[in-house]
Amino acid sequence: MNVADAMTPRSELVVVEIPGSRNDVLEYIQEHGFSSVPVVKDVDGDEVYRGLVTRDDLIEQPDEDQLALLMREVPTVGAAADIVDAARTMAAEGSRRLPVVDGDELVGIVTVTDVVRAIARGEVDGETRVGELATRAVNATHTDTPLPVAEREIALSGVPYAVVLDDDAATAGMLTEVDILEVARVVEGEASTGDSIADQDSDWSWEGIKATGARYLPTRNVEIPAEAVRHFMTEDLITVNATRTAKEVAQELISNDIEQVPLVSGTDLDGIVRDVDLLEGL
């Protein structure tokens, strides 16, 4: 199976164009649930691929507004490449998507979800038991953790989710980056740079001029509600056990539009199966 068989073609992609702003990307991510948006530039009438802006970039760089500085370079792939090779690249690079390019032209994008969909359909191997693929280290937070704190926990852990535990350490729900970005908003303000003129006692002041004011620079930030995680988490979770196959779990992920499911042994949380873990089975 080739990348061209699985990718989303350029005609169906939403892109942002340089010059642009973070608000353009945030709008698409919030409205459509995208995890990233490709960035292009018009060069003499031709559309040239430049990079990607992801939801992580928006959260990690709250004061940056310029699209050109927010975007990141990621590995690319050709349309004729084997889908398993593309999956191997995504797993090795820790990238959830690969822009599909022909020269400098963006012709599509292939994502982890595209590969998972191929596994779910039986188009590539999906017979590995997920007990062999699951991640045993689980990122967790508490039901009463303020959402901004939970966002920092997720960012510092390097995974896009947190399993939410109650007072008895039982699984109460799941919080994801998507849940956080759905309620985040960009706010503007001003930050003082201090007095703009030296005061009378300054060693380098040759005239006794007092400071008459301070300079202010505009700042931007991502505002996240400070309410408890339990107000934003998903409570009704799909769970799987270690005997399920990658194909079966892929079907659960696709049909429920989720990126990870808890791995359970009886009622005990035993790990997490992320969509990227299924790629390892290939």
C-alpha atoms as a PDB file:
ATOM      1  CA  MET A   1       0.000   0.000   0.000  1.00  0.00           C
ATOM      2  CA  ASN A   2       1.428   3.363  -1.035  1.00  0.00           C
ATOM      3  CA  VAL A   3       1.191   6.705   0.743  1.00  0.00           C
ATOM      4  CA  ALA A   4      -0.965   7.987  -2.142  1.00  0.00           C
ATOM      5  CA  ASP A   5      -3.593   5.367  -1.260  1.00  0.00           C
ATOM      6  CA  ALA A   6      -3.903   6.565   2.342  1.00  0.00           C
ATOM      7  CA  MET A   7      -3.106  10.289   2.344  1.00  0.00           C
ATOM      8  CA  THR A   8      -5.490  13.221   2.362  1.00  0.00           C
ATOM      9  CA  PRO A   9      -4.927  14.981  -0.988  1.00  0.00           C
ATOM     10  CA  ARG A  10      -4.092  18.688  -1.223  1.00  0.00           C
ATOM     11  CA  SER A  11      -7.566  19.446  -2.610  1.00  0.00           C
ATOM     12  CA  GLU A  12      -9.072  18.414   0.747  1.00  0.00           C
ATOM     13  CA  LEU A  13      -6.499  20.076   3.025  1.00  0.00           C
ATOM     14  CA  VAL A  14      -6.940  23.255   5.017  1.00  0.00           C
ATOM     15  CA  VAL A  15      -3.706  25.267   4.906  1.00  0.00           C
ATOM     16  CA  VAL A  16      -2.518  28.610   6.227  1.00  0.00           C
ATOM     17  CA  GLU A  17      -0.419  30.971   4.177  1.00  0.00           C
ATOM     18  CA  ILE A  18       2.598  33.081   5.090  1.00  0.00           C
ATOM     19  CA  PRO A  19       2.234  35.834   6.201  1.00  0.00           C
ATOM     20  CA  GLY A  20      -0.381  34.803   8.758  1.00  0.00           C
ATOM     21  CA  SER A  21      -1.053  34.762  12.477  1.00  0.00           C
ATOM     22  CA  ARG A  22      -1.553  32.255  15.304  1.00  0.00           C
ATOM     23  CA  ASN A  23      -5.259  33.117  15.353  1.00  0.00           C
ATOM     24  CA  ASP A  24      -5.646  31.671  11.858  1.00  0.00           C
ATOM     25  CA  VAL A  25      -4.279  28.325  13.051  1.00  0.00           C
ATOM     26  CA  LEU A  26      -6.110  28.346  16.404  1.00  0.00           C
ATOM     27  CA  GLU A  27      -9.397  28.909  14.590  1.00  0.00           C
ATOM     28  CA  TYR A  28      -8.895  25.863  12.351  1.00  0.00           C
ATOM     29  CA  ILE A  29      -7.726  23.647  15.220  1.00  0.00           C
ATOM     30  CA  GLN A  30     -10.643  24.608  17.462  1.00  0.00           C
ATOM     31  CA  GLU A  31     -13.326  24.416  14.770  1.00  0.00           C
ATOM     32  CA  HIS A  32     -12.189  21.246  13.017  1.00  0.00           C
ATOM     33  CA  GLY A  33     -10.261  19.366  15.710  1.00  0.00           C
ATOM     34  CA  PHE A  34      -7.048  19.357  13.662  1.00  0.00           C
ATOM     35  CA  SER A  35      -3.784  18.559  15.418  1.00  0.00           C
ATOM     36  CA  SER A  36      -1.754  20.500  12.849  1.00  0.00           C
ATOM     37  CA  VAL A  37      -2.101  22.761   9.831  1.00  0.00           C
ATOM     38  CA  PRO A  38       0.324  22.869   6.856  1.00  0.00           C
ATOM     39  CA  VAL A  39       1.940  26.210   6.042  1.00  0.00           C
ATOM     40  CA  VAL A  40       2.414  27.347   2.427  1.00  0.00           C
ATOM     41  CA  LYS A  41       3.697  30.459   0.686  1.00  0.00           C
ATOM     42  CA  ASP A  42       2.918  31.974  -2.685  1.00  0.00           C
ATOM     43  CA  VAL A  43       6.118  32.269  -4.714  1.00  0.00           C
ATOM     44  CA  ASP A  44       5.610  33.845  -8.135  1.00  0.00           C
ATOM     45  CA  GLY A  45       2.129  32.393  -8.354  1.00  0.00           C
ATOM     46  CA  ASP A  46       3.139  28.893  -7.241  1.00  0.00           C
ATOM     47  CA  GLU A  47       2.211  27.405  -3.875  1.00  0.00           C
ATOM     48  CA  VAL A  48       5.345  26.280  -2.035  1.00  0.00           C
ATOM     49  CA  TYR A  49       5.272  24.088   1.085  1.00  0.00           C
ATOM     50  CA  ARG A  50       7.032  25.648   4.089  1.00  0.00           C
ATOM     51  CA  GLY A  51       6.238  23.596   7.216  1.00  0.00           C
ATOM     52  CA  LEU A  52       3.597  22.737   9.825  1.00  0.00           C
ATOM     53  CA  VAL A  53       2.064  24.449  12.828  1.00  0.00           C
ATOM     54  CA  THR A  54       0.812  22.045  15.499  1.00  0.00           C
ATOM     55  CA  ARG A  55      -1.393  22.500  18.549  1.00  0.00           C
ATOM     56  CA  ASP A  56       1.745  21.967  20.676  1.00  0.00           C
ATOM     57  CA  ASP A  57       3.395  24.969  19.005  1.00  0.00           C
ATOM     58  CA  LEU A  58       0.494  27.236  19.942  1.00  0.00           C
ATOM     59  CA  ILE A  59       0.614  26.240  23.612  1.00  0.00           C
ATOM     60  CA  GLU A  60       4.397  26.203  23.928  1.00  0.00           C
ATOM     61  CA  GLN A  61       4.892  29.626  22.282  1.00  0.00           C
ATOM     62  CA  PRO A  62       2.032  31.758  23.661  1.00  0.00           C
ATOM     63  CA  ASP A  63       3.732  35.091  22.932  1.00  0.00           C
ATOM     64  CA  GLU A  64       4.599  34.344  19.315  1.00  0.00           C
ATOM     65  CA  ASP A  65       2.142  35.616  16.730  1.00  0.00           C
ATOM     66  CA  GLN A  66       4.042  35.259  13.444  1.00  0.00           C
ATOM     67  CA  LEU A  67       3.198  32.132  11.523  1.00  0.00           C
ATOM     68  CA  ALA A  68       6.711  31.886  10.074  1.00  0.00           C
ATOM     69  CA  LEU A  69       8.175  31.635  13.592  1.00  0.00           C
ATOM     70  CA  LEU A  70       5.520  29.281  14.956  1.00  0.00           C
ATOM     71  CA  MET A  71       5.870  26.652  12.236  1.00  0.00           C
ATOM     72  CA  ARG A  72       8.254  23.714  12.437  1.00  0.00           C
ATOM     73  CA  GLU A  73      10.044  21.566   9.895  1.00  0.00           C
ATOM     74  CA  VAL A  74       9.113  17.885   9.889  1.00  0.00           C
ATOM     75  CA  PRO A  75      10.182  14.972   7.693  1.00  0.00           C
ATOM     76  CA  THR A  76       8.351  14.683   4.391  1.00  0.00           C
ATOM     77  CA  VAL A  77       7.517  11.714   2.181  1.00  0.00           C
ATOM     78  CA  GLY A  78       6.709  11.078  -1.469  1.00  0.00           C
ATOM     79  CA  ALA A  79       3.336   9.829  -2.685  1.00  0.00           C
ATOM     80  CA  ALA A  80       4.872   6.616  -4.082  1.00  0.00           C
ATOM     81  CA  ALA A  81       6.491   5.589  -0.776  1.00  0.00           C
ATOM     82  CA  ASP A  82       5.285   2.439   0.996  1.00  0.00           C
ATOM     83  CA  ILE A  83       2.846   3.197   3.826  1.00  0.00           C
ATOM     84  CA  VAL A  84       4.799   0.937   6.191  1.00  0.00           C
ATOM     85  CA  ASP A  85       7.966   2.955   5.504  1.00  0.00           C
ATOM     86  CA  ALA A  86       6.019   6.143   6.233  1.00  0.00           C
ATOM     87  CA  ALA A  87       4.788   4.611   9.493  1.00  0.00           C
ATOM     88  CA  ARG A  88       8.355   3.685  10.402  1.00  0.00           C
ATOM     89  CA  THR A  89       9.468   7.279   9.811  1.00  0.00           C
ATOM     90  CA  MET A  90       6.646   8.663  11.965  1.00  0.00           C
ATOM     91  CA  ALA A  91       7.481   6.257  14.785  1.00  0.00           C
ATOM     92  CA  ALA A  92      11.208   6.995  14.604  1.00  0.00           C
ATOM     93  CA  GLU A  93      10.789  10.778  14.410  1.00  0.00           C
ATOM     94  CA  GLY A  94       7.946  11.015  16.905  1.00  0.00           C
ATOM     95  CA  SER A  95       5.873  12.826  14.300  1.00  0.00           C
ATOM     96  CA  ARG A  96       2.129  12.365  13.967  1.00  0.00           C
ATOM     97  CA  ARG A  97       2.034  13.439  10.350  1.00  0.00           C
ATOM     98  CA  LEU A  98       4.187  13.591   7.239  1.00  0.00           C
ATOM     99  CA  PRO A  99       3.586  16.185   4.537  1.00  0.00           C
ATOM    100  CA  VAL A 100       3.537  14.505   1.120  1.00  0.00           C
ATOM    101  CA  VAL A 101       5.545  16.616  -1.299  1.00  0.00           C
ATOM    102  CA  ASP A 102       6.581  16.589  -4.921  1.00  0.00           C
ATOM    103  CA  GLY A 103       9.589  18.884  -5.131  1.00  0.00           C
ATOM    104  CA  ASP A 104       8.400  21.989  -3.241  1.00  0.00           C
ATOM    105  CA  GLU A 105       4.726  21.309  -3.917  1.00  0.00           C
ATOM    106  CA  LEU A 106       2.427  20.026  -1.183  1.00  0.00           C
ATOM    107  CA  VAL A 107       0.357  17.206  -2.697  1.00  0.00           C
ATOM    108  CA  GLY A 108      -1.167  15.815   0.496  1.00  0.00           C
ATOM    109  CA  ILE A 109      -0.556  14.762   4.064  1.00  0.00           C
ATOM    110  CA  VAL A 110      -0.408  11.325   5.656  1.00  0.00           C
ATOM    111  CA  THR A 111      -1.039  10.995   9.384  1.00  0.00           C
ATOM    112  CA  VAL A 112      -0.926   8.414  12.137  1.00  0.00           C
ATOM    113  CA  THR A 113      -4.710   8.244  11.809  1.00  0.00           C
ATOM    114  CA  ASP A 114      -4.379   7.320   8.128  1.00  0.00           C
ATOM    115  CA  VAL A 115      -2.102   4.426   9.037  1.00  0.00           C
ATOM    116  CA  VAL A 116      -4.420   3.355  11.868  1.00  0.00           C
ATOM    117  CA  ARG A 117      -7.316   3.438   9.407  1.00  0.00           C
ATOM    118  CA  ALA A 118      -5.361   1.142   7.078  1.00  0.00           C
ATOM    119  CA  ILE A 119      -4.743  -1.233  10.011  1.00  0.00           C
ATOM    120  CA  ALA A 120      -8.451  -1.142  10.908  1.00  0.00           C
ATOM    121  CA  ARG A 121      -9.409  -2.054   7.346  1.00  0.00           C
ATOM    122  CA  GLY A 122      -6.935  -4.924   7.186  1.00  0.00           C
ATOM    123  CA  GLU A 123      -4.949  -3.247   4.403  1.00  0.00           C
ATOM    124  CA  VAL A 124      -1.733  -3.696   6.411  1.00  0.00           C
ATOM    125  CA  ASP A 125      -0.810  -6.168   9.145  1.00  0.00           C
ATOM    126  CA  GLY A 126      -2.804  -5.759  12.351  1.00  0.00           C
ATOM    127  CA  GLU A 127      -2.576  -9.142  14.072  1.00  0.00           C
ATOM    128  CA  THR A 128      -0.146  -8.163  16.834  1.00  0.00           C
ATOM    129  CA  ARG A 129      -1.669  -8.322  20.342  1.00  0.00           C
ATOM    130  CA  VAL A 130      -1.802  -4.872  21.917  1.00  0.00           C
ATOM    131  CA  GLY A 131      -0.419  -6.243  25.177  1.00  0.00           C
ATOM    132  CA  GLU A 132       2.921  -6.300  23.332  1.00  0.00           C
ATOM    133  CA  LEU A 133       2.504  -2.760  22.014  1.00  0.00           C
ATOM    134  CA  ALA A 134       1.013  -0.851  24.969  1.00  0.00           C
ATOM    135  CA  THR A 135       2.922   1.811  26.862  1.00  0.00           C
ATOM    136  CA  ARG A 136       3.104   0.803  30.524  1.00  0.00           C
ATOM    137  CA  ALA A 137       4.082   4.249  31.817  1.00  0.00           C
ATOM    138  CA  VAL A 138       0.831   6.215  32.112  1.00  0.00           C
ATOM    139  CA  ASN A 139       0.497   9.988  32.480  1.00  0.00           C
ATOM    140  CA  ALA A 140      -2.170  10.812  35.071  1.00  0.00           C
ATOM    141  CA  THR A 141      -3.796  13.743  36.837  1.00  0.00           C
ATOM    142  CA  HIS A 142      -6.524  14.224  39.467  1.00  0.00           C
ATOM    143  CA  THR A 143     -10.156  15.163  38.957  1.00  0.00           C
ATOM    144  CA  ASP A 144      -9.749  18.404  40.950  1.00  0.00           C
ATOM    145  CA  THR A 145      -6.499  19.544  39.330  1.00  0.00           C
ATOM    146  CA  PRO A 146      -6.921  23.047  37.838  1.00  0.00           C
ATOM    147  CA  LEU A 147      -6.942  22.792  34.044  1.00  0.00           C
ATOM    148  CA  PRO A 148      -3.850  25.056  33.545  1.00  0.00           C
ATOM    149  CA  VAL A 149      -1.869  22.760  35.883  1.00  0.00           C
ATOM    150  CA  ALA A 150      -3.063  19.669  34.005  1.00  0.00           C
ATOM    151  CA  GLU A 151      -2.018  21.329  30.727  1.00  0.00           C
ATOM    152  CA  ARG A 152       1.491  21.803  32.106  1.00  0.00           C
ATOM    153  CA  GLU A 153       1.559  18.164  33.285  1.00  0.00           C
ATOM    154  CA  ILE A 154       0.625  17.020  29.776  1.00  0.00           C
ATOM    155  CA  ALA A 155       3.195  19.302  28.144  1.00  0.00           C
ATOM    156  CA  LEU A 156       6.005  18.229  30.483  1.00  0.00           C
ATOM    157  CA  SER A 157       5.194  14.545  30.084  1.00  0.00           C
ATOM    158  CA  GLY A 158       5.501  14.758  26.306  1.00  0.00           C
ATOM    159  CA  VAL A 159       2.245  12.898  25.625  1.00  0.00           C
ATOM    160  CA  PRO A 160      -1.087  14.422  24.482  1.00  0.00           C
ATOM    161  CA  TYR A 161      -3.273  12.979  27.262  1.00  0.00           C
ATOM    162  CA  ALA A 162      -3.712  12.417  30.970  1.00  0.00           C
ATOM    163  CA  VAL A 163      -5.730   9.639  32.577  1.00  0.00           C
ATOM    164  CA  VAL A 164      -7.849  11.307  35.264  1.00  0.00           C
ATOM    165  CA  LEU A 165      -7.936   9.601  38.677  1.00  0.00           C
ATOM    166  CA  ASP A 166     -10.419  10.170  41.494  1.00  0.00           C
ATOM    167  CA  ASP A 167      -9.802  10.260  45.265  1.00  0.00           C
ATOM    168  CA  ASP A 168      -9.584   6.451  45.345  1.00  0.00           C
ATOM    169  CA  ALA A 169      -7.045   6.400  42.488  1.00  0.00           C
ATOM    170  CA  ALA A 170      -9.650   4.811  40.214  1.00  0.00           C
ATOM    171  CA  THR A 171      -9.886   5.859  36.566  1.00  0.00           C
ATOM    172  CA  ALA A 172     -12.493   8.609  36.278  1.00  0.00           C
ATOM    173  CA  GLY A 173     -11.879   9.839  32.742  1.00  0.00           C
ATOM    174  CA  MET A 174      -9.407  11.083  30.148  1.00  0.00           C
ATOM    175  CA  LEU A 175      -8.161  14.604  29.378  1.00  0.00           C
ATOM    176  CA  THR A 176      -6.473  15.374  26.056  1.00  0.00           C
ATOM    177  CA  GLU A 177      -4.801  18.321  24.361  1.00  0.00           C
ATOM    178  CA  VAL A 178      -7.869  18.627  22.151  1.00  0.00           C
ATOM    179  CA  ASP A 179     -10.079  19.102  25.227  1.00  0.00           C
ATOM    180  CA  ILE A 180      -7.801  21.905  26.425  1.00  0.00           C
ATOM    181  CA  LEU A 181      -7.574  23.721  23.100  1.00  0.00           C
ATOM    182  CA  GLU A 182     -11.345  23.647  22.710  1.00  0.00           C
ATOM    183  CA  VAL A 183     -11.656  26.011  25.685  1.00  0.00           C
ATOM    184  CA  ALA A 184      -8.400  27.968  25.270  1.00  0.00           C
ATOM    185  CA  ARG A 185      -8.374  31.493  23.925  1.00  0.00           C
ATOM    186  CA  VAL A 186      -5.696  33.996  22.996  1.00  0.00           C
ATOM    187  CA  VAL A 187      -5.710  37.163  25.103  1.00  0.00           C
ATOM    188  CA  GLU A 188      -3.764  40.361  24.653  1.00  0.00           C
ATOM    189  CA  GLY A 189      -2.249  42.682  27.229  1.00  0.00           C
ATOM    190  CA  GLU A 190       0.706  44.914  27.969  1.00  0.00           C
ATOM    191  CA  ALA A 191       3.962  44.262  29.776  1.00  0.00           C
ATOM    192  CA  SER A 192       6.094  47.016  31.270  1.00  0.00           C
ATOM    193  CA  THR A 193       9.762  47.221  30.322  1.00  0.00           C
ATOM    194  CA  GLY A 194      10.498  49.562  33.239  1.00  0.00           C
ATOM    195  CA  ASP A 195      11.264  53.268  33.329  1.00  0.00           C
ATOM    196  CA  SER A 196      12.176  54.645  29.950  1.00  0.00           C
ATOM    197  CA  ILE A 197      14.296  57.519  31.314  1.00  0.00           C
ATOM    198  CA  ALA A 198      17.016  57.360  33.962  1.00  0.00           C
ATOM    199  CA  ASP A 199      16.177  58.842  37.343  1.00  0.00           C
ATOM    200  CA  GLN A 200      18.048  61.745  38.941  1.00  0.00           C
ATOM    201  CA  ASP A 201      20.520  59.573  40.825  1.00  0.00           C
ATOM    202  CA  SER A 202      21.607  57.496  37.865  1.00  0.00           C
ATOM    203  CA  ASP A 203      25.380  57.458  37.413  1.00  0.00           C
ATOM    204  CA  TRP A 204      25.105  57.997  33.675  1.00  0.00           C
ATOM    205  CA  SER A 205      22.461  60.716  33.792  1.00  0.00           C
ATOM    206  CA  TRP A 206      24.078  64.034  32.911  1.00  0.00           C
ATOM    207  CA  GLU A 207      20.906  65.963  33.614  1.00  0.00           C
ATOM    208  CA  GLY A 208      18.596  65.611  36.569  1.00  0.00           C
ATOM    209  CA  ILE A 209      15.632  64.371  34.577  1.00  0.00           C
ATOM    210  CA  LYS A 210      13.201  62.210  36.461  1.00  0.00           C
ATOM    211  CA  ALA A 211      11.544  59.238  34.771  1.00  0.00           C
ATOM    212  CA  THR A 212       8.206  60.334  33.406  1.00  0.00           C
ATOM    213  CA  GLY A 213       6.790  56.951  32.477  1.00  0.00           C
ATOM    214  CA  ALA A 214       7.444  53.386  31.446  1.00  0.00           C
ATOM    215  CA  ARG A 215       7.476  51.713  28.063  1.00  0.00           C
ATOM    216  CA  TYR A 216       4.881  49.011  27.393  1.00  0.00           C
ATOM    217  CA  LEU A 217       5.035  46.239  24.853  1.00  0.00           C
ATOM    218  CA  PRO A 218       2.006  44.265  23.692  1.00  0.00           C
ATOM    219  CA  THR A 219       1.959  40.660  24.894  1.00  0.00           C
ATOM    220  CA  ARG A 220      -0.143  37.665  23.900  1.00  0.00           C
ATOM    221  CA  ASN A 221      -0.988  34.603  25.914  1.00  0.00           C
ATOM    222  CA  VAL A 222      -3.141  31.509  25.811  1.00  0.00           C
ATOM    223  CA  GLU A 223      -5.761  31.707  28.527  1.00  0.00           C
ATOM    224  CA  ILE A 224      -6.983  28.375  29.916  1.00  0.00           C
ATOM    225  CA  PRO A 225      -9.914  28.224  32.383  1.00  0.00           C
ATOM    226  CA  ALA A 226      -8.735  27.564  35.947  1.00  0.00           C
ATOM    227  CA  GLU A 227     -11.596  25.193  36.727  1.00  0.00           C
ATOM    228  CA  ALA A 228     -11.118  21.557  37.761  1.00  0.00           C
ATOM    229  CA  VAL A 229     -10.240  18.904  35.190  1.00  0.00           C
ATOM    230  CA  ARG A 230     -13.474  16.998  35.890  1.00  0.00           C
ATOM    231  CA  HIS A 231     -15.426  19.704  34.027  1.00  0.00           C
ATOM    232  CA  PHE A 232     -13.490  19.097  30.794  1.00  0.00           C
ATOM    233  CA  MET A 233     -12.542  15.401  30.782  1.00  0.00           C
ATOM    234  CA  THR A 234     -14.263  12.576  28.920  1.00  0.00           C
ATOM    235  CA  GLU A 235     -15.906  10.274  31.446  1.00  0.00           C
ATOM    236  CA  ASP A 236     -17.225   7.345  29.379  1.00  0.00           C
ATOM    237  CA  LEU A 237     -14.027   5.622  28.309  1.00  0.00           C
ATOM    238  CA  ILE A 238     -13.456   2.828  25.831  1.00  0.00           C
ATOM    239  CA  THR A 239     -11.012   0.311  27.341  1.00  0.00           C
ATOM    240  CA  VAL A 240      -9.216  -2.734  25.915  1.00  0.00           C
ATOM    241  CA  ASN A 241      -7.385  -5.750  27.309  1.00  0.00           C
ATOM    242  CA  ALA A 242      -4.038  -7.225  26.337  1.00  0.00           C
ATOM    243  CA  THR A 243      -5.492  -9.958  24.112  1.00  0.00           C
ATOM    244  CA  ARG A 244      -7.075  -7.568  21.600  1.00  0.00           C
ATOM    245  CA  THR A 245      -5.311  -7.245  18.262  1.00  0.00           C
ATOM    246  CA  ALA A 246      -3.955  -4.058  16.750  1.00  0.00           C
ATOM    247  CA  LYS A 247      -6.664  -4.300  14.076  1.00  0.00           C
ATOM    248  CA  GLU A 248      -9.443  -4.511  16.676  1.00  0.00           C
ATOM    249  CA  VAL A 249      -8.067  -1.590  18.683  1.00  0.00           C
ATOM    250  CA  ALA A 250      -7.547   0.429  15.484  1.00  0.00           C
ATOM    251  CA  GLN A 251     -11.230  -0.066  14.728  1.00  0.00           C
ATOM    252  CA  GLU A 252     -12.115   1.230  18.206  1.00  0.00           C
ATOM    253  CA  LEU A 253      -9.914   4.301  17.751  1.00  0.00           C
ATOM    254  CA  ILE A 254     -11.331   5.162  14.337  1.00  0.00           C
ATOM    255  CA  SER A 255     -14.990   4.528  15.177  1.00  0.00           C
ATOM    256  CA  ASN A 256     -14.777   6.601  18.379  1.00  0.00           C
ATOM    257  CA  ASP A 257     -12.502   9.325  16.940  1.00  0.00           C
ATOM    258  CA  ILE A 258      -9.899   8.990  19.716  1.00  0.00           C
ATOM    259  CA  GLU A 259      -6.097   8.672  19.822  1.00  0.00           C
ATOM    260  CA  GLN A 260      -5.601   6.386  22.826  1.00  0.00           C
ATOM    261  CA  VAL A 261      -7.425   3.863  25.010  1.00  0.00           C
ATOM    262  CA  PRO A 262      -6.605   2.614  28.517  1.00  0.00           C
ATOM    263  CA  LEU A 263      -5.305  -0.958  28.733  1.00  0.00           C
ATOM    264  CA  VAL A 264      -6.991  -2.742  31.631  1.00  0.00           C
ATOM    265  CA  SER A 265      -6.580  -6.032  33.440  1.00  0.00           C
ATOM    266  CA  GLY A 266      -9.908  -6.633  35.127  1.00  0.00           C
ATOM    267  CA  THR A 267     -10.615  -3.290  36.791  1.00  0.00           C
ATOM    268  CA  ASP A 268      -6.946  -2.295  37.095  1.00  0.00           C
ATOM    269  CA  LEU A 269      -5.323   0.226  34.781  1.00  0.00           C
ATOM    270  CA  ASP A 270      -2.410  -1.625  33.191  1.00  0.00           C
ATOM    271  CA  GLY A 271      -1.149   0.816  30.570  1.00  0.00           C
ATOM    272  CA  ILE A 272      -2.214   2.905  27.620  1.00  0.00           C
ATOM    273  CA  VAL A 273      -2.513   1.988  23.946  1.00  0.00           C
ATOM    274  CA  ARG A 274      -1.901   5.026  21.763  1.00  0.00           C
ATOM    275  CA  ASP A 275      -2.453   5.124  18.044  1.00  0.00           C
ATOM    276  CA  VAL A 276       1.303   5.552  17.570  1.00  0.00           C
ATOM    277  CA  ASP A 277       1.858   2.310  19.487  1.00  0.00           C
ATOM    278  CA  LEU A 278      -0.069   0.439  16.801  1.00  0.00           C
ATOM    279  CA  LEU A 279       2.498   1.569  14.238  1.00  0.00           C
ATOM    280  CA  GLU A 280       5.123  -0.449  16.092  1.00  0.00           C
ATOM    281  CA  GLY A 281       3.177  -3.593  15.210  1.00  0.00           C
ATOM    282  CA  LEU A 282       3.948  -3.061  11.541  1.00  0.00           C
END
